[in-house]
Amino acid sequence: MLLKLSDRISECLDRAADARDRANAATDPSIKSDFLSMELHWLRLVESYRFVEQADQFLADGRVTRIALNEKLPKTGVLVVTCPATGKDFSTGILTDEVSFARLSQELIHSDCPHCHIDHSWRTKDATLVADVPPGARVERARAEGVEPGGRAAAFRASLHALVRTAIENTKGEARAAFYISDGAALHHVVGMPEAYARYVDGFAIGPQSLACGLAAARGEPIITRDVTEEPLWKPWLWLAQQFDYRACWSFPVETPARKIVGTFAMYYRDPREATPRDLDLAATITRTAAIMISPQTVQ
């Protein structure tokens, strides 16, 4: 398991060095190329294991600070407005968090009022964010369900969070990133994006008619959307991209060595952006590492 990573890294480095020696000794160009490709393979595997090793270092902090992190999460809830006819408050049904709430446009929004049964128009400045579940209560609810903040679920999330942070750092903070787990038919957010976003996309369908991560998981290949406003499949979801302020969405399948899709990894950019070869290499390394974490049986 993860305790053997140091040995695996050493073994991969030895094999990479051996492949390099064989390449240097080869006179046939095709054989030399094969050995150089083999060396690159072993070095990329080293990089993957090192990502896992780095992630493992965050686990202790994740166990100790999980409760504190929950307490510091942005307040999440529903937007509430006041009925002008009755003076009573009512829920608009819009779930969001403090950060996303601050970014909402000031365009008129229409909501059906349950008090006077009239469709009222309102703007963001007229609404109040009312928390549905206080952060502290989330911890208590998790305990009631038998999930300790410092348990395996938290350690798993901390590991994936380390990969998310690595991806963001490699973009110098220009991107956001997230992981989604597959149940075979749909995807479920694990870590990366705000809770409000996670609610909107929970159960996102996997299939050839889907888009973004749903399509990446169905096809088993990256889906790079340079600009969501230019992609017809995104039309029903443009409101979500606008609310959470991104234009580019890159989706990558997380696939085990046995070719099983166990989840997806996504990166979001505020401005339109095409993926470079370096971006694709980074995503490939991160998704290989995530596959090891999600399916630990792949690491003997």
C-alpha atoms as a PDB file:
ATOM      1  CA  MET A   1       0.000   0.000   0.000  1.00  0.00           C
ATOM      2  CA  LEU A   2       1.121   3.621   0.488  1.00  0.00           C
ATOM      3  CA  LEU A   3       3.808   2.603   3.007  1.00  0.00           C
ATOM      4  CA  LYS A   4       5.710   0.912   0.161  1.00  0.00           C
ATOM      5  CA  LEU A   5       5.835   3.996  -2.041  1.00  0.00           C
ATOM      6  CA  SER A   6       9.487   4.812  -1.246  1.00  0.00           C
ATOM      7  CA  ASP A   7      10.523   1.344  -2.371  1.00  0.00           C
ATOM      8  CA  ARG A   8       8.426   1.671  -5.522  1.00  0.00           C
ATOM      9  CA  ILE A   9       9.981   5.040  -6.340  1.00  0.00           C
ATOM     10  CA  SER A  10      13.467   3.594  -5.958  1.00  0.00           C
ATOM     11  CA  GLU A  11      12.563   0.636  -8.151  1.00  0.00           C
ATOM     12  CA  CYS A  12      11.163   2.917 -10.869  1.00  0.00           C
ATOM     13  CA  LEU A  13      14.280   5.097 -10.801  1.00  0.00           C
ATOM     14  CA  ASP A  14      16.468   2.009 -11.174  1.00  0.00           C
ATOM     15  CA  ARG A  15      14.426   0.822 -14.144  1.00  0.00           C
ATOM     16  CA  ALA A  16      14.544   4.293 -15.720  1.00  0.00           C
ATOM     17  CA  ALA A  17      18.338   4.363 -15.343  1.00  0.00           C
ATOM     18  CA  ASP A  18      18.598   0.881 -16.858  1.00  0.00           C
ATOM     19  CA  ALA A  19      16.445   1.957 -19.830  1.00  0.00           C
ATOM     20  CA  ARG A  20      18.671   5.009 -20.332  1.00  0.00           C
ATOM     21  CA  ASP A  21      21.812   2.823 -20.295  1.00  0.00           C
ATOM     22  CA  ARG A  22      20.266   0.474 -22.850  1.00  0.00           C
ATOM     23  CA  ALA A  23      19.285   3.427 -25.033  1.00  0.00           C
ATOM     24  CA  ASN A  24      22.808   4.795 -24.929  1.00  0.00           C
ATOM     25  CA  ALA A  25      24.212   1.389 -25.894  1.00  0.00           C
ATOM     26  CA  ALA A  26      21.756   0.793 -28.730  1.00  0.00           C
ATOM     27  CA  THR A  27      22.844   1.503 -32.301  1.00  0.00           C
ATOM     28  CA  ASP A  28      19.514   0.841 -34.000  1.00  0.00           C
ATOM     29  CA  PRO A  29      17.479   4.116 -33.922  1.00  0.00           C
ATOM     30  CA  SER A  30      14.162   2.332 -33.427  1.00  0.00           C
ATOM     31  CA  ILE A  31      15.503   0.297 -30.487  1.00  0.00           C
ATOM     32  CA  LYS A  32      17.053   3.439 -29.001  1.00  0.00           C
ATOM     33  CA  SER A  33      13.695   5.199 -29.303  1.00  0.00           C
ATOM     34  CA  ASP A  34      11.921   2.290 -27.591  1.00  0.00           C
ATOM     35  CA  PHE A  35      14.298   2.398 -24.625  1.00  0.00           C
ATOM     36  CA  LEU A  36      13.952   6.180 -24.334  1.00  0.00           C
ATOM     37  CA  SER A  37      10.176   5.794 -24.304  1.00  0.00           C
ATOM     38  CA  MET A  38      10.544   3.145 -21.618  1.00  0.00           C
ATOM     39  CA  GLU A  39      12.702   5.523 -19.565  1.00  0.00           C
ATOM     40  CA  LEU A  40      10.044   8.242 -19.886  1.00  0.00           C
ATOM     41  CA  HIS A  41       7.386   5.770 -18.776  1.00  0.00           C
ATOM     42  CA  TRP A  42       9.294   4.922 -15.586  1.00  0.00           C
ATOM     43  CA  LEU A  43      10.032   8.577 -14.843  1.00  0.00           C
ATOM     44  CA  ARG A  44       6.364   9.481 -15.224  1.00  0.00           C
ATOM     45  CA  LEU A  45       5.475   6.656 -12.868  1.00  0.00           C
ATOM     46  CA  VAL A  46       7.978   8.089 -10.378  1.00  0.00           C
ATOM     47  CA  GLU A  47       6.224  11.430 -10.703  1.00  0.00           C
ATOM     48  CA  SER A  48       2.888   9.754 -10.009  1.00  0.00           C
ATOM     49  CA  TYR A  49       4.172   7.998  -6.908  1.00  0.00           C
ATOM     50  CA  ARG A  50       5.740  11.200  -5.679  1.00  0.00           C
ATOM     51  CA  PHE A  51       2.379  12.920  -6.002  1.00  0.00           C
ATOM     52  CA  VAL A  52       0.917  10.166  -3.839  1.00  0.00           C
ATOM     53  CA  GLU A  53       3.774  10.515  -1.361  1.00  0.00           C
ATOM     54  CA  GLN A  54       3.224  14.267  -1.215  1.00  0.00           C
ATOM     55  CA  ALA A  55      -0.493  13.761  -0.727  1.00  0.00           C
ATOM     56  CA  ASP A  56       0.138  11.292   2.082  1.00  0.00           C
ATOM     57  CA  GLN A  57       2.047  13.997   3.959  1.00  0.00           C
ATOM     58  CA  PHE A  58      -1.128  16.057   4.083  1.00  0.00           C
ATOM     59  CA  LEU A  59      -3.168  13.276   5.688  1.00  0.00           C
ATOM     60  CA  ALA A  60      -2.099  13.979   9.257  1.00  0.00           C
ATOM     61  CA  ASP A  61      -3.010  17.641   8.853  1.00  0.00           C
ATOM     62  CA  GLY A  62      -6.289  16.618   7.268  1.00  0.00           C
ATOM     63  CA  ARG A  63      -7.175  14.425  10.245  1.00  0.00           C
ATOM     64  CA  VAL A  64      -6.272  17.088  12.797  1.00  0.00           C
ATOM     65  CA  THR A  65      -7.842  20.078  11.060  1.00  0.00           C
ATOM     66  CA  ARG A  66     -10.931  18.562   9.450  1.00  0.00           C
ATOM     67  CA  ILE A  67     -13.318  20.034  12.020  1.00  0.00           C
ATOM     68  CA  ALA A  68     -11.627  23.414  11.806  1.00  0.00           C
ATOM     69  CA  LEU A  69     -11.894  23.352   8.026  1.00  0.00           C
ATOM     70  CA  ASN A  70     -15.590  22.618   8.263  1.00  0.00           C
ATOM     71  CA  GLU A  71     -16.037  25.568  10.594  1.00  0.00           C
ATOM     72  CA  LYS A  72     -14.292  27.857   8.096  1.00  0.00           C
ATOM     73  CA  LEU A  73     -16.318  26.795   5.049  1.00  0.00           C
ATOM     74  CA  PRO A  74     -18.240  29.618   3.386  1.00  0.00           C
ATOM     75  CA  LYS A  75     -21.793  29.847   4.635  1.00  0.00           C
ATOM     76  CA  THR A  76     -24.009  27.875   2.279  1.00  0.00           C
ATOM     77  CA  GLY A  77     -27.753  28.130   2.028  1.00  0.00           C
ATOM     78  CA  VAL A  78     -30.763  29.334   0.111  1.00  0.00           C
ATOM     79  CA  LEU A  79     -31.611  32.843  -1.084  1.00  0.00           C
ATOM     80  CA  VAL A  80     -34.653  34.318   0.667  1.00  0.00           C
ATOM     81  CA  VAL A  81     -36.628  37.403  -0.399  1.00  0.00           C
ATOM     82  CA  THR A  82     -39.629  39.246   1.025  1.00  0.00           C
ATOM     83  CA  CYS A  83     -43.065  39.167  -0.561  1.00  0.00           C
ATOM     84  CA  PRO A  84     -44.016  42.821  -1.237  1.00  0.00           C
ATOM     85  CA  ALA A  85     -47.710  42.031  -0.823  1.00  0.00           C
ATOM     86  CA  THR A  86     -47.661  40.169   2.498  1.00  0.00           C
ATOM     87  CA  GLY A  87     -44.311  41.207   3.963  1.00  0.00           C
ATOM     88  CA  LYS A  88     -43.456  37.562   4.558  1.00  0.00           C
ATOM     89  CA  ASP A  89     -40.150  35.963   3.621  1.00  0.00           C
ATOM     90  CA  PHE A  90     -40.006  33.052   1.218  1.00  0.00           C
ATOM     91  CA  SER A  91     -37.324  30.839  -0.286  1.00  0.00           C
ATOM     92  CA  THR A  92     -36.380  31.379  -3.929  1.00  0.00           C
ATOM     93  CA  GLY A  93     -35.096  27.812  -4.140  1.00  0.00           C
ATOM     94  CA  ILE A  94     -31.664  29.054  -5.260  1.00  0.00           C
ATOM     95  CA  LEU A  95     -28.851  27.297  -3.401  1.00  0.00           C
ATOM     96  CA  THR A  96     -25.504  29.099  -3.235  1.00  0.00           C
ATOM     97  CA  ASP A  97     -22.687  30.178  -0.895  1.00  0.00           C
ATOM     98  CA  GLU A  98     -21.325  33.534   0.243  1.00  0.00           C
ATOM     99  CA  VAL A  99     -18.652  33.745  -2.460  1.00  0.00           C
ATOM    100  CA  SER A 100     -20.982  32.808  -5.308  1.00  0.00           C
ATOM    101  CA  PHE A 101     -23.746  35.029  -3.887  1.00  0.00           C
ATOM    102  CA  ALA A 102     -21.428  38.045  -4.083  1.00  0.00           C
ATOM    103  CA  ARG A 103     -20.770  37.292  -7.767  1.00  0.00           C
ATOM    104  CA  LEU A 104     -24.394  36.993  -8.840  1.00  0.00           C
ATOM    105  CA  SER A 105     -25.466  39.505 -11.437  1.00  0.00           C
ATOM    106  CA  GLN A 106     -27.963  42.256 -10.637  1.00  0.00           C
ATOM    107  CA  GLU A 107     -30.324  41.181 -13.396  1.00  0.00           C
ATOM    108  CA  LEU A 108     -33.987  40.690 -12.515  1.00  0.00           C
ATOM    109  CA  ILE A 109     -34.766  37.198 -11.219  1.00  0.00           C
ATOM    110  CA  HIS A 110     -38.292  35.823 -11.008  1.00  0.00           C
ATOM    111  CA  SER A 111     -39.578  33.552  -8.244  1.00  0.00           C
ATOM    112  CA  ASP A 112     -43.041  32.239  -7.506  1.00  0.00           C
ATOM    113  CA  CYS A 113     -44.254  33.408  -4.095  1.00  0.00           C
ATOM    114  CA  PRO A 114     -46.007  30.720  -2.008  1.00  0.00           C
ATOM    115  CA  HIS A 115     -47.821  33.409   0.046  1.00  0.00           C
ATOM    116  CA  CYS A 116     -49.656  35.357  -2.660  1.00  0.00           C
ATOM    117  CA  HIS A 117     -48.991  32.968  -5.572  1.00  0.00           C
ATOM    118  CA  ILE A 118     -47.576  35.776  -7.723  1.00  0.00           C
ATOM    119  CA  ASP A 119     -44.350  35.669  -9.725  1.00  0.00           C
ATOM    120  CA  HIS A 120     -42.209  38.351  -8.052  1.00  0.00           C
ATOM    121  CA  SER A 121     -39.175  40.055  -9.610  1.00  0.00           C
ATOM    122  CA  TRP A 122     -36.142  40.732  -7.430  1.00  0.00           C
ATOM    123  CA  ARG A 123     -32.422  41.471  -7.597  1.00  0.00           C
ATOM    124  CA  THR A 124     -29.510  40.080  -5.622  1.00  0.00           C
ATOM    125  CA  LYS A 125     -29.476  43.141  -3.350  1.00  0.00           C
ATOM    126  CA  ASP A 126     -33.039  42.252  -2.295  1.00  0.00           C
ATOM    127  CA  ALA A 127     -32.112  38.720  -1.200  1.00  0.00           C
ATOM    128  CA  THR A 128     -30.674  37.299   2.001  1.00  0.00           C
ATOM    129  CA  LEU A 129     -28.562  34.147   2.223  1.00  0.00           C
ATOM    130  CA  VAL A 130     -30.019  31.887   4.899  1.00  0.00           C
ATOM    131  CA  ALA A 131     -27.798  28.963   5.934  1.00  0.00           C
ATOM    132  CA  ASP A 132     -29.440  25.575   5.594  1.00  0.00           C
ATOM    133  CA  VAL A 133     -26.967  23.569   7.676  1.00  0.00           C
ATOM    134  CA  PRO A 134     -24.426  25.424   9.843  1.00  0.00           C
ATOM    135  CA  PRO A 135     -20.830  24.189   9.249  1.00  0.00           C
ATOM    136  CA  GLY A 136     -20.543  22.908  12.820  1.00  0.00           C
ATOM    137  CA  ALA A 137     -23.729  20.923  12.401  1.00  0.00           C
ATOM    138  CA  ARG A 138     -22.256  19.224   9.338  1.00  0.00           C
ATOM    139  CA  VAL A 139     -19.559  17.740  11.550  1.00  0.00           C
ATOM    140  CA  GLU A 140     -22.104  16.513  14.083  1.00  0.00           C
ATOM    141  CA  ARG A 141     -24.291  15.093  11.321  1.00  0.00           C
ATOM    142  CA  ALA A 142     -21.301  13.280   9.854  1.00  0.00           C
ATOM    143  CA  ARG A 143     -20.557  11.754  13.269  1.00  0.00           C
ATOM    144  CA  ALA A 144     -24.179  10.710  13.656  1.00  0.00           C
ATOM    145  CA  GLU A 145     -23.873   8.913  10.322  1.00  0.00           C
ATOM    146  CA  GLY A 146     -20.783   7.095  11.567  1.00  0.00           C
ATOM    147  CA  VAL A 147     -18.188   9.116   9.625  1.00  0.00           C
ATOM    148  CA  GLU A 148     -15.527  10.604  11.874  1.00  0.00           C
ATOM    149  CA  PRO A 149     -13.919  13.832  10.593  1.00  0.00           C
ATOM    150  CA  GLY A 150     -10.504  12.222  11.021  1.00  0.00           C
ATOM    151  CA  GLY A 151     -11.497   8.862   9.548  1.00  0.00           C
ATOM    152  CA  ARG A 152     -10.849   7.182   6.209  1.00  0.00           C
ATOM    153  CA  ALA A 153     -13.280   9.443   4.333  1.00  0.00           C
ATOM    154  CA  ALA A 154     -11.474  12.549   5.566  1.00  0.00           C
ATOM    155  CA  ALA A 155      -8.072  11.034   4.761  1.00  0.00           C
ATOM    156  CA  PHE A 156      -9.278  10.179   1.255  1.00  0.00           C
ATOM    157  CA  ARG A 157     -10.607  13.710   0.701  1.00  0.00           C
ATOM    158  CA  ALA A 158      -7.367  15.176   2.073  1.00  0.00           C
ATOM    159  CA  SER A 159      -5.377  13.107  -0.424  1.00  0.00           C
ATOM    160  CA  LEU A 160      -7.453  14.307  -3.372  1.00  0.00           C
ATOM    161  CA  HIS A 161      -7.351  17.842  -2.012  1.00  0.00           C
ATOM    162  CA  ALA A 162      -3.547  17.660  -2.144  1.00  0.00           C
ATOM    163  CA  LEU A 163      -3.770  16.811  -5.845  1.00  0.00           C
ATOM    164  CA  VAL A 164      -6.222  19.666  -6.426  1.00  0.00           C
ATOM    165  CA  ARG A 165      -3.829  22.035  -4.706  1.00  0.00           C
ATOM    166  CA  THR A 166      -0.943  20.713  -6.816  1.00  0.00           C
ATOM    167  CA  ALA A 167      -2.922  21.338 -10.003  1.00  0.00           C
ATOM    168  CA  ILE A 168      -3.825  24.872  -8.949  1.00  0.00           C
ATOM    169  CA  GLU A 169      -0.250  25.672  -7.950  1.00  0.00           C
ATOM    170  CA  ASN A 170       0.973  24.472 -11.351  1.00  0.00           C
ATOM    171  CA  THR A 171      -1.348  27.024 -12.995  1.00  0.00           C
ATOM    172  CA  LYS A 172      -0.112  29.757 -10.637  1.00  0.00           C
ATOM    173  CA  GLY A 173      -3.574  30.047  -9.173  1.00  0.00           C
ATOM    174  CA  GLU A 174      -5.323  30.709 -12.476  1.00  0.00           C
ATOM    175  CA  ALA A 175      -7.472  27.585 -12.346  1.00  0.00           C
ATOM    176  CA  ARG A 176      -9.896  25.837 -10.037  1.00  0.00           C
ATOM    177  CA  ALA A 177      -9.985  22.057  -9.944  1.00  0.00           C
ATOM    178  CA  ALA A 178     -12.180  19.277  -8.621  1.00  0.00           C
ATOM    179  CA  PHE A 179     -12.585  15.506  -8.421  1.00  0.00           C
ATOM    180  CA  TYR A 180     -15.780  13.555  -9.032  1.00  0.00           C
ATOM    181  CA  ILE A 181     -16.420   9.898  -8.194  1.00  0.00           C
ATOM    182  CA  SER A 182     -18.377   7.605 -10.511  1.00  0.00           C
ATOM    183  CA  ASP A 183     -21.078   5.219  -9.328  1.00  0.00           C
ATOM    184  CA  GLY A 184     -21.269   3.748 -12.811  1.00  0.00           C
ATOM    185  CA  ALA A 185     -24.150   5.887 -14.035  1.00  0.00           C
ATOM    186  CA  ALA A 186     -23.456   9.313 -12.550  1.00  0.00           C
ATOM    187  CA  LEU A 187     -20.763  11.491 -11.016  1.00  0.00           C
ATOM    188  CA  HIS A 188     -20.585  12.888  -7.491  1.00  0.00           C
ATOM    189  CA  HIS A 189     -18.390  15.766  -6.339  1.00  0.00           C
ATOM    190  CA  VAL A 190     -15.706  14.852  -3.782  1.00  0.00           C
ATOM    191  CA  VAL A 191     -13.502  17.891  -3.376  1.00  0.00           C
ATOM    192  CA  GLY A 192     -12.520  21.138  -5.078  1.00  0.00           C
ATOM    193  CA  MET A 193     -15.575  23.251  -5.865  1.00  0.00           C
ATOM    194  CA  PRO A 194     -17.942  25.067  -3.427  1.00  0.00           C
ATOM    195  CA  GLU A 195     -20.746  23.089  -1.812  1.00  0.00           C
ATOM    196  CA  ALA A 196     -23.351  25.064  -3.743  1.00  0.00           C
ATOM    197  CA  TYR A 197     -21.749  23.996  -7.022  1.00  0.00           C
ATOM    198  CA  ALA A 198     -21.528  20.403  -5.804  1.00  0.00           C
ATOM    199  CA  ARG A 199     -25.279  20.385  -5.146  1.00  0.00           C
ATOM    200  CA  TYR A 200     -26.075  21.584  -8.642  1.00  0.00           C
ATOM    201  CA  VAL A 201     -23.976  18.886 -10.339  1.00  0.00           C
ATOM    202  CA  ASP A 202     -24.494  15.972  -7.961  1.00  0.00           C
ATOM    203  CA  GLY A 203     -25.650  12.962  -9.959  1.00  0.00           C
ATOM    204  CA  PHE A 204     -24.365  14.414 -13.250  1.00  0.00           C
ATOM    205  CA  ALA A 205     -25.121  11.783 -15.871  1.00  0.00           C
ATOM    206  CA  ILE A 206     -22.400   9.708 -17.540  1.00  0.00           C
ATOM    207  CA  GLY A 207     -23.174   8.976 -21.165  1.00  0.00           C
ATOM    208  CA  PRO A 208     -22.482   9.784 -24.817  1.00  0.00           C
ATOM    209  CA  GLN A 209     -25.150  12.512 -24.763  1.00  0.00           C
ATOM    210  CA  SER A 210     -23.664  14.202 -21.708  1.00  0.00           C
ATOM    211  CA  LEU A 211     -20.956  16.886 -21.643  1.00  0.00           C
ATOM    212  CA  ALA A 212     -17.802  17.816 -19.734  1.00  0.00           C
ATOM    213  CA  CYS A 213     -17.045  15.206 -17.049  1.00  0.00           C
ATOM    214  CA  GLY A 214     -20.075  13.096 -17.940  1.00  0.00           C
ATOM    215  CA  LEU A 215     -18.841  12.770 -21.510  1.00  0.00           C
ATOM    216  CA  ALA A 216     -15.198  12.280 -20.469  1.00  0.00           C
ATOM    217  CA  ALA A 217     -16.206   9.367 -18.242  1.00  0.00           C
ATOM    218  CA  ALA A 218     -18.350   7.849 -20.994  1.00  0.00           C
ATOM    219  CA  ARG A 219     -15.672   8.107 -23.678  1.00  0.00           C
ATOM    220  CA  GLY A 220     -12.666   7.466 -21.463  1.00  0.00           C
ATOM    221  CA  GLU A 221     -10.850  10.459 -22.939  1.00  0.00           C
ATOM    222  CA  PRO A 222     -10.306  14.154 -22.080  1.00  0.00           C
ATOM    223  CA  ILE A 223     -13.002  16.634 -23.073  1.00  0.00           C
ATOM    224  CA  ILE A 224     -11.409  20.048 -23.499  1.00  0.00           C
ATOM    225  CA  THR A 225     -13.908  22.886 -23.790  1.00  0.00           C
ATOM    226  CA  ARG A 226     -11.987  26.049 -24.576  1.00  0.00           C
ATOM    227  CA  ASP A 227     -15.032  28.276 -24.136  1.00  0.00           C
ATOM    228  CA  VAL A 228     -18.314  26.943 -22.787  1.00  0.00           C
ATOM    229  CA  THR A 229     -20.224  29.779 -24.476  1.00  0.00           C
ATOM    230  CA  GLU A 230     -19.142  28.436 -27.875  1.00  0.00           C
ATOM    231  CA  GLU A 231     -20.140  24.807 -27.202  1.00  0.00           C
ATOM    232  CA  PRO A 232     -23.814  23.998 -28.051  1.00  0.00           C
ATOM    233  CA  LEU A 233     -23.918  21.161 -25.495  1.00  0.00           C
ATOM    234  CA  TRP A 234     -23.239  23.709 -22.769  1.00  0.00           C
ATOM    235  CA  LYS A 235     -26.246  25.892 -23.571  1.00  0.00           C
ATOM    236  CA  PRO A 236     -28.487  24.451 -20.791  1.00  0.00           C
ATOM    237  CA  TRP A 237     -25.618  24.846 -18.305  1.00  0.00           C
ATOM    238  CA  LEU A 238     -24.321  28.314 -19.161  1.00  0.00           C
ATOM    239  CA  TRP A 239     -26.144  29.757 -16.151  1.00  0.00           C
ATOM    240  CA  LEU A 240     -23.982  27.549 -13.923  1.00  0.00           C
ATOM    241  CA  ALA A 241     -20.736  28.624 -15.591  1.00  0.00           C
ATOM    242  CA  GLN A 242     -21.819  32.252 -15.305  1.00  0.00           C
ATOM    243  CA  GLN A 243     -22.775  31.949 -11.650  1.00  0.00           C
ATOM    244  CA  PHE A 244     -19.448  30.323 -10.760  1.00  0.00           C
ATOM    245  CA  ASP A 245     -17.426  32.536 -13.085  1.00  0.00           C
ATOM    246  CA  TYR A 246     -15.649  30.251 -15.532  1.00  0.00           C
ATOM    247  CA  ARG A 247     -15.433  30.027 -19.315  1.00  0.00           C
ATOM    248  CA  ALA A 248     -13.056  27.112 -19.935  1.00  0.00           C
ATOM    249  CA  CYS A 249     -13.807  23.635 -18.599  1.00  0.00           C
ATOM    250  CA  TRP A 250     -11.418  20.719 -19.037  1.00  0.00           C
ATOM    251  CA  SER A 251     -12.577  17.241 -18.022  1.00  0.00           C
ATOM    252  CA  PHE A 252     -10.374  14.162 -17.661  1.00  0.00           C
ATOM    253  CA  PRO A 253     -11.374  10.566 -16.860  1.00  0.00           C
ATOM    254  CA  VAL A 254      -9.748   8.871 -13.877  1.00  0.00           C
ATOM    255  CA  GLU A 255      -8.974   5.389 -15.137  1.00  0.00           C
ATOM    256  CA  THR A 256      -7.365   2.440 -13.380  1.00  0.00           C
ATOM    257  CA  PRO A 257      -4.743   0.237 -15.078  1.00  0.00           C
ATOM    258  CA  ALA A 258      -7.578  -2.260 -15.580  1.00  0.00           C
ATOM    259  CA  ARG A 259      -9.280   0.364 -17.803  1.00  0.00           C
ATOM    260  CA  LYS A 260     -12.093   1.022 -15.347  1.00  0.00           C
ATOM    261  CA  ILE A 261     -13.352   4.612 -15.115  1.00  0.00           C
ATOM    262  CA  VAL A 262     -13.696   5.402 -11.407  1.00  0.00           C
ATOM    263  CA  GLY A 263     -14.164   9.159 -11.593  1.00  0.00           C
ATOM    264  CA  THR A 264     -13.143  12.375 -13.295  1.00  0.00           C
ATOM    265  CA  PHE A 265     -10.886  15.355 -12.713  1.00  0.00           C
ATOM    266  CA  ALA A 266     -11.915  18.825 -13.884  1.00  0.00           C
ATOM    267  CA  MET A 267     -10.176  22.159 -14.263  1.00  0.00           C
ATOM    268  CA  TYR A 268     -12.000  25.467 -14.642  1.00  0.00           C
ATOM    269  CA  TYR A 269     -10.622  28.775 -15.942  1.00  0.00           C
ATOM    270  CA  ARG A 270     -12.209  32.210 -15.741  1.00  0.00           C
ATOM    271  CA  ASP A 271     -11.212  33.026 -19.339  1.00  0.00           C
ATOM    272  CA  PRO A 272     -11.363  30.894 -22.514  1.00  0.00           C
ATOM    273  CA  ARG A 273      -8.312  28.652 -22.659  1.00  0.00           C
ATOM    274  CA  GLU A 274      -7.014  25.772 -24.748  1.00  0.00           C
ATOM    275  CA  ALA A 275      -5.034  22.999 -23.056  1.00  0.00           C
ATOM    276  CA  THR A 276      -1.322  22.824 -23.895  1.00  0.00           C
ATOM    277  CA  PRO A 277       0.707  19.582 -24.071  1.00  0.00           C
ATOM    278  CA  ARG A 278       2.139  20.467 -20.662  1.00  0.00           C
ATOM    279  CA  ASP A 279      -1.403  20.892 -19.267  1.00  0.00           C
ATOM    280  CA  LEU A 280      -2.383  17.490 -20.641  1.00  0.00           C
ATOM    281  CA  ASP A 281       0.742  15.837 -19.196  1.00  0.00           C
ATOM    282  CA  LEU A 282       0.032  17.328 -15.772  1.00  0.00           C
ATOM    283  CA  ALA A 283      -3.594  16.166 -15.875  1.00  0.00           C
ATOM    284  CA  ALA A 284      -2.495  12.663 -16.940  1.00  0.00           C
ATOM    285  CA  THR A 285      -0.142  12.425 -13.979  1.00  0.00           C
ATOM    286  CA  ILE A 286      -2.759  13.709 -11.542  1.00  0.00           C
ATOM    287  CA  THR A 287      -5.456  11.349 -12.801  1.00  0.00           C
ATOM    288  CA  ARG A 288      -3.105   8.346 -12.647  1.00  0.00           C
ATOM    289  CA  THR A 289      -2.320   9.247  -9.057  1.00  0.00           C
ATOM    290  CA  ALA A 290      -6.010   9.709  -8.243  1.00  0.00           C
ATOM    291  CA  ALA A 291      -6.760   6.270  -9.701  1.00  0.00           C
ATOM    292  CA  ILE A 292      -4.274   4.786  -7.236  1.00  0.00           C
ATOM    293  CA  MET A 293      -6.010   6.596  -4.363  1.00  0.00           C
ATOM    294  CA  ILE A 294      -9.530   5.741  -5.459  1.00  0.00           C
ATOM    295  CA  SER A 295      -8.704   2.098  -6.219  1.00  0.00           C
ATOM    296  CA  PRO A 296      -5.978   1.164  -3.706  1.00  0.00           C
ATOM    297  CA  GLN A 297      -6.020  -2.431  -4.953  1.00  0.00           C
ATOM    298  CA  THR A 298      -4.040  -1.163  -7.950  1.00  0.00           C
ATOM    299  CA  VAL A 299      -1.061  -0.650  -5.615  1.00  0.00           C
ATOM    300  CA  GLN A 300       0.002  -4.064  -4.333  1.00  0.00           C
END
